[in-house]
C-alpha atoms as a PDB file:
ATOM      1  CA  MET A   1     -31.513   7.418 -15.347  1.00  0.00           C
ATOM      2  CA  SER A   2     -27.677   6.303 -16.183  1.00  0.00           C
ATOM      3  CA  HIS A   3     -27.005   2.813 -16.130  1.00  0.00           C
ATOM      4  CA  ILE A   4     -23.316   2.020 -15.210  1.00  0.00           C
ATOM      5  CA  VAL A   5     -21.980  -1.117 -16.418  1.00  0.00           C
ATOM      6  CA  PHE A   6     -19.065  -2.623 -15.025  1.00  0.00           C
ATOM      7  CA  LEU A   7     -16.814  -4.807 -17.751  1.00  0.00           C
ATOM      8  CA  LEU A   8     -14.856  -7.523 -15.728  1.00  0.00           C
ATOM      9  CA  VAL A   9     -12.248  -9.857 -16.649  1.00  0.00           C
ATOM     10  CA  PRO A  10     -10.473 -12.735 -14.899  1.00  0.00           C
ATOM     11  CA  GLY A  11      -7.721 -11.353 -12.690  1.00  0.00           C
ATOM     12  CA  VAL A  12      -9.899  -8.060 -11.899  1.00  0.00           C
ATOM     13  CA  HIS A  13      -9.102  -5.638  -8.588  1.00  0.00           C
ATOM     14  CA  LEU A  14     -11.171  -5.484  -6.527  1.00  0.00           C
ATOM     15  CA  LEU A  15     -10.408  -2.141  -5.624  1.00  0.00           C
ATOM     16  CA  ASP A  16     -10.496  -0.922  -8.900  1.00  0.00           C
ATOM     17  CA  LEU A  17     -14.254  -2.129  -9.174  1.00  0.00           C
ATOM     18  CA  ALA A  18     -15.367  -1.941  -5.852  1.00  0.00           C
ATOM     19  CA  GLY A  19     -14.049   1.993  -5.268  1.00  0.00           C
ATOM     20  CA  PRO A  20     -16.213   3.463  -8.586  1.00  0.00           C
ATOM     21  CA  ALA A  21     -19.196   1.203  -7.393  1.00  0.00           C
ATOM     22  CA  GLN A  22     -19.373   2.618  -4.074  1.00  0.00           C
ATOM     23  CA  VAL A  23     -19.331   5.901  -5.327  1.00  0.00           C
ATOM     24  CA  PHE A  24     -21.951   5.785  -7.842  1.00  0.00           C
ATOM     25  CA  SER A  25     -24.015   3.401  -5.323  1.00  0.00           C
ATOM     26  CA  THR A  26     -23.750   6.196  -2.757  1.00  0.00           C
ATOM     27  CA  ALA A  27     -25.080   8.830  -5.045  1.00  0.00           C
ATOM     28  CA  ALA A  28     -27.615   6.271  -5.606  1.00  0.00           C
ATOM     29  CA  GLY A  29     -28.846   5.875  -1.753  1.00  0.00           C
ATOM     30  CA  PHE A  30     -28.953  10.123  -2.148  1.00  0.00           C
ATOM     31  CA  GLY A  31     -31.662   9.931  -4.762  1.00  0.00           C
ATOM     32  CA  HIS A  32     -29.669  10.151  -8.151  1.00  0.00           C
ATOM     33  CA  PRO A  33     -30.942   7.530 -10.338  1.00  0.00           C
ATOM     34  CA  TYR A  34     -27.983   4.814 -11.067  1.00  0.00           C
ATOM     35  CA  THR A  35     -28.359   1.606 -12.104  1.00  0.00           C
ATOM     36  CA  LEU A  36     -25.128  -0.777 -12.180  1.00  0.00           C
ATOM     37  CA  SER A  37     -24.544  -4.111 -13.715  1.00  0.00           C
ATOM     38  CA  TYR A  38     -21.343  -6.006 -14.093  1.00  0.00           C
ATOM     39  CA  ILE A  39     -20.668  -7.849 -17.425  1.00  0.00           C
ATOM     40  CA  ALA A  40     -18.262 -10.626 -17.852  1.00  0.00           C
ATOM     41  CA  GLU A  41     -17.681 -13.157 -20.824  1.00  0.00           C
ATOM     42  CA  GLN A  42     -17.925 -16.106 -18.042  1.00  0.00           C
ATOM     43  CA  PRO A  43     -20.415 -16.252 -15.456  1.00  0.00           C
ATOM     44  CA  LEU A  44     -18.330 -16.820 -13.115  1.00  0.00           C
ATOM     45  CA  VAL A  45     -15.062 -14.163 -12.533  1.00  0.00           C
ATOM     46  CA  ARG A  46     -12.150 -14.497  -9.993  1.00  0.00           C
ATOM     47  CA  THR A  47     -10.681 -11.457  -8.631  1.00  0.00           C
ATOM     48  CA  ALA A  48      -6.862 -10.781  -7.861  1.00  0.00           C
ATOM     49  CA  GLN A  49      -7.558 -11.148  -4.266  1.00  0.00           C
ATOM     50  CA  GLY A  50      -9.383 -14.700  -4.598  1.00  0.00           C
ATOM     51  CA  LEU A  51     -12.753 -13.852  -4.607  1.00  0.00           C
ATOM     52  CA  PRO A  52     -15.165 -14.946  -6.835  1.00  0.00           C
ATOM     53  CA  LEU A  53     -17.579 -12.775  -8.637  1.00  0.00           C
ATOM     54  CA  VAL A  54     -20.816 -13.725 -10.166  1.00  0.00           C
ATOM     55  CA  ALA A  55     -21.369 -11.432 -13.748  1.00  0.00           C
ATOM     56  CA  GLN A  56     -24.247 -11.791 -16.197  1.00  0.00           C
ATOM     57  CA  SER A  57     -23.385 -11.817 -19.408  1.00  0.00           C
ATOM     58  CA  ASP A  58     -26.066 -10.199 -21.550  1.00  0.00           C
ATOM     59  CA  TRP A  59     -25.456  -6.703 -22.200  1.00  0.00           C
ATOM     60  CA  PRO A  60     -28.180  -3.876 -21.178  1.00  0.00           C
ATOM     61  CA  GLU A  61     -29.759  -1.479 -23.380  1.00  0.00           C
ATOM     62  CA  LEU A  62     -27.460   2.008 -23.184  1.00  0.00           C
ATOM     63  CA  GLY A  63     -28.187   5.167 -24.296  1.00  0.00           C
ATOM     64  CA  PRO A  64     -26.110   8.718 -24.526  1.00  0.00           C
ATOM     65  CA  GLU A  65     -26.184   9.311 -20.762  1.00  0.00           C
ATOM     66  CA  ASP A  66     -25.036   5.920 -19.592  1.00  0.00           C
ATOM     67  CA  LEU A  67     -21.526   4.730 -18.698  1.00  0.00           C
ATOM     68  CA  ILE A  68     -19.318   1.626 -19.322  1.00  0.00           C
ATOM     69  CA  VAL A  69     -16.295   1.461 -16.552  1.00  0.00           C
ATOM     70  CA  VAL A  70     -12.893  -1.205 -17.338  1.00  0.00           C
ATOM     71  CA  PRO A  71     -12.057  -2.160 -14.080  1.00  0.00           C
ATOM     72  CA  GLY A  72      -8.060  -3.164 -14.250  1.00  0.00           C
ATOM     73  CA  TRP A  73      -6.794  -6.569 -13.370  1.00  0.00           C
ATOM     74  CA  ARG A  74      -3.166  -7.801 -12.240  1.00  0.00           C
ATOM     75  CA  ALA A  75      -0.988  -9.154 -14.599  1.00  0.00           C
ATOM     76  CA  PRO A  76       2.957  -8.223 -15.109  1.00  0.00           C
ATOM     77  CA  THR A  77       2.282  -6.552 -18.141  1.00  0.00           C
ATOM     78  CA  LEU A  78      -0.403  -5.114 -20.453  1.00  0.00           C
ATOM     79  CA  ALA A  79       0.508  -7.954 -22.937  1.00  0.00           C
ATOM     80  CA  GLY A  80       0.522 -10.533 -20.410  1.00  0.00           C
ATOM     81  CA  GLY A  81      -3.069  -9.466 -19.248  1.00  0.00           C
ATOM     82  CA  PRO A  82      -6.410 -10.934 -20.095  1.00  0.00           C
ATOM     83  CA  ALA A  83      -7.664 -11.471 -23.545  1.00  0.00           C
ATOM     84  CA  ILE A  84     -10.366  -8.781 -24.259  1.00  0.00           C
ATOM     85  CA  GLY A  85     -12.874 -10.570 -26.717  1.00  0.00           C
ATOM     86  CA  ALA A  86     -13.939  -8.758 -30.256  1.00  0.00           C
ATOM     87  CA  ALA A  87     -17.379  -8.681 -29.221  1.00  0.00           C
ATOM     88  CA  PHE A  88     -16.924  -6.963 -26.061  1.00  0.00           C
ATOM     89  CA  GLN A  89     -14.223  -4.654 -27.697  1.00  0.00           C
ATOM     90  CA  GLN A  90     -17.331  -3.639 -30.447  1.00  0.00           C
ATOM     91  CA  SER A  91     -19.362  -2.906 -27.814  1.00  0.00           C
ATOM     92  CA  LEU A  92     -17.060  -0.559 -26.022  1.00  0.00           C
ATOM     93  CA  ARG A  93     -16.685   1.469 -29.514  1.00  0.00           C
ATOM     94  CA  ASP A  94     -20.601   1.110 -30.352  1.00  0.00           C
ATOM     95  CA  HIS A  95     -21.626   2.554 -26.917  1.00  0.00           C
ATOM     96  CA  HIS A  96     -18.619   5.527 -27.411  1.00  0.00           C
ATOM     97  CA  ALA A  97     -20.038   5.819 -30.726  1.00  0.00           C
ATOM     98  CA  ARG A  98     -23.486   6.602 -29.919  1.00  0.00           C
ATOM     99  CA  GLY A  99     -22.367   9.476 -27.551  1.00  0.00           C
ATOM    100  CA  GLY A 100     -22.010   7.331 -24.204  1.00  0.00           C
ATOM    101  CA  THR A 101     -19.153   7.427 -21.984  1.00  0.00           C
ATOM    102  CA  VAL A 102     -16.161   4.986 -21.229  1.00  0.00           C
ATOM    103  CA  ALA A 103     -14.000   5.059 -18.553  1.00  0.00           C
ATOM    104  CA  SER A 104     -11.114   2.724 -17.082  1.00  0.00           C
ATOM    105  CA  VAL A 105      -9.347   2.035 -13.837  1.00  0.00           C
ATOM    106  CA  CYS A 106      -5.515   0.987 -13.921  1.00  0.00           C
ATOM    107  CA  ALA A 107      -5.059  -1.364 -16.653  1.00  0.00           C
ATOM    108  CA  GLY A 108      -8.303  -1.465 -17.979  1.00  0.00           C
ATOM    109  CA  ALA A 109      -7.383   1.446 -20.229  1.00  0.00           C
ATOM    110  CA  ASP A 110      -5.692  -1.347 -22.141  1.00  0.00           C
ATOM    111  CA  ALA A 111      -9.005  -2.284 -22.904  1.00  0.00           C
ATOM    112  CA  LEU A 112      -9.871   0.735 -24.080  1.00  0.00           C
ATOM    113  CA  GLY A 113      -6.436   1.038 -26.459  1.00  0.00           C
ATOM    114  CA  ARG A 114      -7.468  -2.708 -28.006  1.00  0.00           C
ATOM    115  CA  ALA A 115     -10.632  -1.103 -28.774  1.00  0.00           C
ATOM    116  CA  GLY A 116      -9.036   2.024 -30.916  1.00  0.00           C
ATOM    117  CA  LEU A 117     -10.350   4.693 -27.956  1.00  0.00           C
ATOM    118  CA  LEU A 118      -7.208   5.558 -26.767  1.00  0.00           C
ATOM    119  CA  ASP A 119      -6.258   6.859 -30.389  1.00  0.00           C
ATOM    120  CA  GLY A 120      -6.035  10.574 -30.485  1.00  0.00           C
ATOM    121  CA  ARG A 121      -6.582  11.192 -26.874  1.00  0.00           C
ATOM    122  CA  ARG A 122      -5.034  12.020 -23.781  1.00  0.00           C
ATOM    123  CA  CYS A 123      -5.185   8.995 -21.439  1.00  0.00           C
ATOM    124  CA  THR A 124      -3.226   7.727 -18.082  1.00  0.00           C
ATOM    125  CA  THR A 125      -2.963   4.433 -16.239  1.00  0.00           C
ATOM    126  CA  HIS A 126      -0.927   3.018 -13.399  1.00  0.00           C
ATOM    127  CA  HIS A 127       2.598   4.055 -13.327  1.00  0.00           C
ATOM    128  CA  ASP A 128       4.044   0.356 -13.271  1.00  0.00           C
ATOM    129  CA  VAL A 129       2.623   0.360 -17.088  1.00  0.00           C
ATOM    130  CA  GLN A 130       2.741   3.810 -18.472  1.00  0.00           C
ATOM    131  CA  ASP A 131       5.723   3.157 -20.843  1.00  0.00           C
ATOM    132  CA  GLU A 132       4.010   0.014 -21.808  1.00  0.00           C
ATOM    133  CA  LEU A 133       0.800   1.481 -22.713  1.00  0.00           C
ATOM    134  CA  ALA A 134       2.724   4.445 -25.012  1.00  0.00           C
ATOM    135  CA  ARG A 135       4.323   1.511 -26.731  1.00  0.00           C
ATOM    136  CA  ARG A 136       1.307  -0.287 -27.108  1.00  0.00           C
ATOM    137  CA  TYR A 137      -0.675   2.821 -28.255  1.00  0.00           C
ATOM    138  CA  PRO A 138       1.821   5.468 -30.387  1.00  0.00           C
ATOM    139  CA  ARG A 139      -1.295   7.455 -31.108  1.00  0.00           C
ATOM    140  CA  ALA A 140      -2.480   8.206 -27.924  1.00  0.00           C
ATOM    141  CA  THR A 141      -0.912  10.530 -25.350  1.00  0.00           C
ATOM    142  CA  VAL A 142       0.121   8.961 -21.673  1.00  0.00           C
ATOM    143  CA  ILE A 143      -0.191  11.640 -19.739  1.00  0.00           C
ATOM    144  CA  ARG A 144       2.057  10.512 -16.252  1.00  0.00           C
ATOM    145  CA  ASP A 145       1.734  11.938 -12.164  1.00  0.00           C
ATOM    146  CA  VAL A 146      -2.047  12.322 -12.542  1.00  0.00           C
ATOM    147  CA  LEU A 147      -4.664  10.337 -11.218  1.00  0.00           C
ATOM    148  CA  TYR A 148      -7.319  10.675 -14.173  1.00  0.00           C
ATOM    149  CA  THR A 149      -7.718  12.282 -17.582  1.00  0.00           C
ATOM    150  CA  ALA A 150     -10.859  12.989 -19.733  1.00  0.00           C
ATOM    151  CA  ASP A 151     -10.961  13.470 -23.380  1.00  0.00           C
ATOM    152  CA  ASP A 152     -14.307  13.248 -25.343  1.00  0.00           C
ATOM    153  CA  ARG A 153     -15.992  10.576 -23.161  1.00  0.00           C
ATOM    154  CA  VAL A 154     -13.131   8.733 -22.600  1.00  0.00           C
ATOM    155  CA  ILE A 155     -11.939   8.667 -18.961  1.00  0.00           C
ATOM    156  CA  THR A 156      -8.617   6.727 -17.699  1.00  0.00           C
ATOM    157  CA  SER A 157      -7.388   6.718 -14.459  1.00  0.00           C
ATOM    158  CA  ALA A 158      -4.015   5.859 -12.778  1.00  0.00           C
ATOM    159  CA  GLY A 159      -5.441   2.902 -11.109  1.00  0.00           C
ATOM    160  CA  ILE A 160      -6.655   1.193  -7.522  1.00  0.00           C
ATOM    161  CA  ALA A 161      -7.952   4.281  -5.229  1.00  0.00           C
ATOM    162  CA  SER A 162      -8.002   6.494  -8.183  1.00  0.00           C
ATOM    163  CA  GLY A 163     -11.011   5.092  -9.508  1.00  0.00           C
ATOM    164  CA  ILE A 164     -12.966   6.616  -6.279  1.00  0.00           C
ATOM    165  CA  ASP A 165     -11.522  10.016  -7.900  1.00  0.00           C
ATOM    166  CA  LEU A 166     -12.328   9.451 -11.612  1.00  0.00           C
ATOM    167  CA  ALA A 167     -16.108   8.244 -10.148  1.00  0.00           C
ATOM    168  CA  LEU A 168     -16.294  11.156  -7.770  1.00  0.00           C
ATOM    169  CA  HIS A 169     -15.252  13.591 -10.963  1.00  0.00           C
ATOM    170  CA  LEU A 170     -18.616  12.158 -13.156  1.00  0.00           C
ATOM    171  CA  VAL A 171     -20.781  12.798 -10.140  1.00  0.00           C
ATOM    172  CA  ALA A 172     -19.343  16.383 -10.106  1.00  0.00           C
ATOM    173  CA  ALA A 173     -19.966  16.716 -13.504  1.00  0.00           C
ATOM    174  CA  ARG A 174     -23.413  15.555 -13.783  1.00  0.00           C
ATOM    175  CA  HIS A 175     -24.794  16.761 -10.338  1.00  0.00           C
ATOM    176  CA  GLY A 176     -22.752  19.519  -9.247  1.00  0.00           C
ATOM    177  CA  PRO A 177     -19.966  19.760  -6.860  1.00  0.00           C
ATOM    178  CA  ALA A 178     -22.093  19.566  -3.806  1.00  0.00           C
ATOM    179  CA  VAL A 179     -23.427  16.230  -4.660  1.00  0.00           C
ATOM    180  CA  ALA A 180     -19.678  14.778  -5.365  1.00  0.00           C
ATOM    181  CA  ALA A 181     -19.223  16.160  -1.461  1.00  0.00           C
ATOM    182  CA  GLN A 182     -21.953  14.731  -0.289  1.00  0.00           C
ATOM    183  CA  VAL A 183     -20.545  11.178  -1.993  1.00  0.00           C
ATOM    184  CA  ALA A 184     -17.095  12.105  -0.925  1.00  0.00           C
ATOM    185  CA  ARG A 185     -18.570  12.720   3.003  1.00  0.00           C
ATOM    186  CA  ASP A 186     -20.188   9.451   3.307  1.00  0.00           C
ATOM    187  CA  MET A 187     -17.299   7.925   1.996  1.00  0.00           C
ATOM    188  CA  VAL A 188     -14.926   9.086   4.470  1.00  0.00           C
ATOM    189  CA  VAL A 189     -12.916  10.595   1.354  1.00  0.00           C
ATOM    190  CA  TYR A 190     -10.944  13.752   1.343  1.00  0.00           C
ATOM    191  CA  ALA A 191      -7.344  13.425   0.850  1.00  0.00           C
ATOM    192  CA  ARG A 192      -7.345  13.257  -2.722  1.00  0.00           C
ATOM    193  CA  ARG A 193      -5.200  14.766  -5.380  1.00  0.00           C
ATOM    194  CA  ASN A 194      -5.259  15.163  -8.782  1.00  0.00           C
ATOM    195  CA  GLY A 195      -1.713  16.567  -9.843  1.00  0.00           C
ATOM    196  CA  HIS A 196      -1.894  19.639 -12.074  1.00  0.00           C
ATOM    197  CA  GLU A 197      -5.092  18.820 -14.247  1.00  0.00           C
ATOM    198  CA  PRO A 198      -7.570  21.530 -15.132  1.00  0.00           C
ATOM    199  CA  GLN A 199     -10.038  19.346 -15.257  1.00  0.00           C
ATOM    200  CA  ALA A 200     -10.007  17.931 -11.495  1.00  0.00           C
ATOM    201  CA  SER A 201     -12.918  19.600  -9.840  1.00  0.00           C
ATOM    202  CA  ALA A 202     -12.621  22.108  -7.075  1.00  0.00           C
ATOM    203  CA  MET A 203     -14.070  19.526  -4.895  1.00  0.00           C
ATOM    204  CA  LEU A 204     -11.497  16.943  -5.422  1.00  0.00           C
ATOM    205  CA  ARG A 205      -8.503  19.883  -5.112  1.00  0.00           C
ATOM    206  CA  TYR A 206      -9.189  21.417  -2.531  1.00  0.00           C
ATOM    207  CA  ARG A 207     -10.821  18.811   0.067  1.00  0.00           C
ATOM    208  CA  SER A 208      -6.982  17.484   1.599  1.00  0.00           C
ATOM    209  CA  HIS A 209      -7.428  18.820   4.462  1.00  0.00           C
ATOM    210  CA  LEU A 210      -8.820  17.984   7.926  1.00  0.00           C
ATOM    211  CA  ASP A 211      -9.974  21.345   9.144  1.00  0.00           C
ATOM    212  CA  ASP A 212     -13.571  21.074   9.879  1.00  0.00           C
ATOM    213  CA  THR A 213     -14.640  24.343   9.861  1.00  0.00           C
ATOM    214  CA  VAL A 214     -13.208  24.665   6.419  1.00  0.00           C
ATOM    215  CA  HIS A 215     -14.699  21.366   5.149  1.00  0.00           C
ATOM    216  CA  HIS A 216     -18.221  23.247   6.760  1.00  0.00           C
ATOM    217  CA  ALA A 217     -17.566  26.362   4.940  1.00  0.00           C
ATOM    218  CA  GLN A 218     -16.420  24.179   1.292  1.00  0.00           C
ATOM    219  CA  ASP A 219     -20.125  22.263   1.972  1.00  0.00           C
ATOM    220  CA  LEU A 220     -21.922  25.586   1.930  1.00  0.00           C
ATOM    221  CA  LEU A 221     -20.312  27.468  -1.001  1.00  0.00           C
ATOM    222  CA  ASP A 222     -20.682  23.656  -2.705  1.00  0.00           C
ATOM    223  CA  ALA A 223     -24.416  23.588  -2.213  1.00  0.00           C
ATOM    224  CA  ARG A 224     -24.860  27.342  -2.827  1.00  0.00           C
ATOM    225  CA  PHE A 225     -22.381  27.894  -5.226  1.00  0.00           C
ATOM    226  CA  ASP A 226     -24.726  29.947  -8.096  1.00  0.00           C
ATOM    227  CA  GLN A 227     -25.962  31.957  -5.031  1.00  0.00           C
ATOM    228  CA  PRO A 228     -24.671  34.990  -3.681  1.00  0.00           C
ATOM    229  CA  LEU A 229     -23.152  33.993  -0.009  1.00  0.00           C
ATOM    230  CA  PRO A 230     -21.399  37.041   1.869  1.00  0.00           C
ATOM    231  CA  LEU A 231     -17.966  36.309   3.392  1.00  0.00           C
ATOM    232  CA  SER A 232     -19.912  37.459   6.530  1.00  0.00           C
ATOM    233  CA  ALA A 233     -23.034  35.034   6.275  1.00  0.00           C
ATOM    234  CA  LEU A 234     -20.359  32.418   5.319  1.00  0.00           C
ATOM    235  CA  ALA A 235     -18.356  33.180   8.659  1.00  0.00           C
ATOM    236  CA  THR A 236     -21.360  33.378  10.703  1.00  0.00           C
ATOM    237  CA  THR A 237     -22.966  30.301   9.921  1.00  0.00           C
ATOM    238  CA  VAL A 238     -19.581  28.108  10.468  1.00  0.00           C
ATOM    239  CA  GLY A 239     -18.859  29.791  13.491  1.00  0.00           C
ATOM    240  CA  VAL A 240     -15.892  32.070  13.088  1.00  0.00           C
ATOM    241  CA  SER A 241     -15.108  35.693  12.478  1.00  0.00           C
ATOM    242  CA  GLU A 242     -14.417  36.974   8.908  1.00  0.00           C
ATOM    243  CA  ARG A 243     -10.699  37.235   9.559  1.00  0.00           C
ATOM    244  CA  THR A 244     -10.265  33.767  11.182  1.00  0.00           C
ATOM    245  CA  LEU A 245     -12.246  32.053   8.040  1.00  0.00           C
ATOM    246  CA  THR A 246     -10.370  33.930   5.656  1.00  0.00           C
ATOM    247  CA  ARG A 247      -7.046  32.757   7.423  1.00  0.00           C
ATOM    248  CA  ARG A 248      -8.038  29.412   7.615  1.00  0.00           C
ATOM    249  CA  PHE A 249      -9.629  28.721   4.343  1.00  0.00           C
ATOM    250  CA  THR A 250      -6.862  30.048   2.743  1.00  0.00           C
ATOM    251  CA  ARG A 251      -4.491  27.557   4.348  1.00  0.00           C
ATOM    252  CA  ALA A 252      -6.112  24.653   4.039  1.00  0.00           C
ATOM    253  CA  THR A 253      -6.666  24.780   0.992  1.00  0.00           C
ATOM    254  CA  GLY A 254      -3.281  25.778  -0.377  1.00  0.00           C
ATOM    255  CA  GLY A 255      -3.978  29.537  -0.778  1.00  0.00           C
ATOM    256  CA  ILE A 256      -7.604  30.446  -2.390  1.00  0.00           C
ATOM    257  CA  THR A 257      -9.917  32.173  -0.596  1.00  0.00           C
ATOM    258  CA  PRO A 258     -13.639  31.088  -0.155  1.00  0.00           C
ATOM    259  CA  LEU A 259     -14.521  34.022  -3.110  1.00  0.00           C
ATOM    260  CA  ARG A 260     -11.971  32.325  -5.391  1.00  0.00           C
ATOM    261  CA  TYR A 261     -13.247  29.055  -4.221  1.00  0.00           C
ATOM    262  CA  GLN A 262     -17.331  29.570  -5.323  1.00  0.00           C
ATOM    263  CA  GLN A 263     -15.041  31.503  -8.555  1.00  0.00           C
ATOM    264  CA  THR A 264     -13.976  28.415  -9.326  1.00  0.00           C
ATOM    265  CA  LEU A 265     -16.897  25.940  -8.300  1.00  0.00           C
ATOM    266  CA  ARG A 266     -19.109  28.534 -11.420  1.00  0.00           C
ATOM    267  CA  LEU A 267     -16.581  28.424 -14.120  1.00  0.00           C
ATOM    268  CA  GLU A 268     -16.100  24.544 -13.673  1.00  0.00           C
ATOM    269  CA  ARG A 269     -20.023  24.278 -13.703  1.00  0.00           C
ATOM    270  CA  ALA A 270     -19.888  26.973 -16.470  1.00  0.00           C
ATOM    271  CA  GLU A 271     -17.306  25.354 -18.713  1.00  0.00           C
ATOM    272  CA  HIS A 272     -19.814  21.635 -18.321  1.00  0.00           C
ATOM    273  CA  LEU A 273     -22.776  23.743 -19.863  1.00  0.00           C
ATOM    274  CA  ILE A 274     -20.884  25.364 -22.373  1.00  0.00           C
ATOM    275  CA  SER A 275     -19.645  21.663 -23.515  1.00  0.00           C
ATOM    276  CA  HIS A 276     -23.015  20.732 -23.674  1.00  0.00           C
ATOM    277  CA  GLY A 277     -24.247  23.471 -25.980  1.00  0.00           C
ATOM    278  CA  ALA A 278     -24.659  26.596 -23.462  1.00  0.00           C
ATOM    279  CA  THR A 279     -24.011  30.316 -24.909  1.00  0.00           C
ATOM    280  CA  VAL A 280     -21.049  31.776 -22.596  1.00  0.00           C
ATOM    281  CA  ASP A 281     -24.178  34.554 -21.423  1.00  0.00           C
ATOM    282  CA  ALA A 282     -26.987  31.584 -20.323  1.00  0.00           C
ATOM    283  CA  ALA A 283     -24.123  29.814 -18.791  1.00  0.00           C
ATOM    284  CA  ALA A 284     -22.789  32.712 -16.855  1.00  0.00           C
ATOM    285  CA  ARG A 285     -26.586  33.254 -15.723  1.00  0.00           C
ATOM    286  CA  ALA A 286     -27.114  29.548 -15.030  1.00  0.00           C
ATOM    287  CA  VAL A 287     -24.345  29.492 -12.219  1.00  0.00           C
ATOM    288  CA  GLY A 288     -24.952  33.160 -10.775  1.00  0.00           C
ATOM    289  CA  PHE A 289     -22.486  35.822 -12.558  1.00  0.00           C
ATOM    290  CA  GLU A 290     -24.949  38.756 -12.783  1.00  0.00           C
ATOM    291  CA  ASP A 291     -22.573  40.076 -15.505  1.00  0.00           C
ATOM    292  CA  PRO A 292     -21.619  37.661 -18.223  1.00  0.00           C
ATOM    293  CA  ARG A 293     -18.116  39.163 -18.643  1.00  0.00           C
ATOM    294  CA  MET A 294     -16.819  38.328 -15.396  1.00  0.00           C
ATOM    295  CA  LEU A 295     -17.192  34.378 -16.806  1.00  0.00           C
ATOM    296  CA  ARG A 296     -15.218  35.578 -19.960  1.00  0.00           C
ATOM    297  CA  ARG A 297     -12.587  37.080 -17.312  1.00  0.00           C
ATOM    298  CA  LEU A 298     -12.272  34.049 -15.418  1.00  0.00           C
ATOM    299  CA  ARG A 299     -11.918  31.773 -18.623  1.00  0.00           C
ATOM    300  CA  THR A 300      -9.650  33.567 -20.355  1.00  0.00           C
ATOM    301  CA  ARG A 301      -7.215  33.887 -16.829  1.00  0.00           C
ATOM    302  CA  GLU A 302      -7.454  29.894 -16.681  1.00  0.00           C
ATOM    303  CA  HIS A 303      -6.797  29.487 -20.256  1.00  0.00           C
END
């Protein structure tokens, strides 16, 4: 089971919190074992939008599969933001040290910085405070003009709606692109941009269009990316000719074919498996490549 803990501070932005919470709650509704908790240093937290929230003060037991998310808050500067107590900073450090993942939305990156978790890592935050984040944490590498970054189980996002992108990325990494696409569709979220970051999932990069036929084809590829799915069968299932599907798919996704899309899904899943200890050969077989040399060629091309 994955426990998602949201660390709330006074002035927390509702969408910074609600966006990721909705993603994980929707995934739980589809049968994936997520439990959500809300922790604060005081039992009543007033949001930036004036809505009071009730939180608990005792931390649950967390393991390596669990996640702590720090949503952002309203403040003119990071330095003028709410204090993050030493105990909460230590909880963030301890969870990451035990193999867990920590994430932030918007100004929440400052909490990770205070805990020392941005040092030596790539990160991002809302464009209004990127310069200040870089000044406050000179050992961090602040990436601009992206929606989120991921570096050694430290995930940061630009703020507000980008928290949804961050959460969908984590769902895709854990359960595969089909589940993330299912959650996105249920939330009516398709127009997601991720700049030029290579860690952004294909499901997010190539779903920023309104062609239902192409979305249907992508749904099939997301669900069966590790299986043979010839263009002829794909076109028949979505009800168009092979030529029409290729033309519409390429136009909607900004230039990639259905085959290239499937290869991208396989490559991203293989990279995830390799990062968790699988050999290249084992990863290649797991994602549907009959010949591991194809995976090696794709990895060389991408890098």
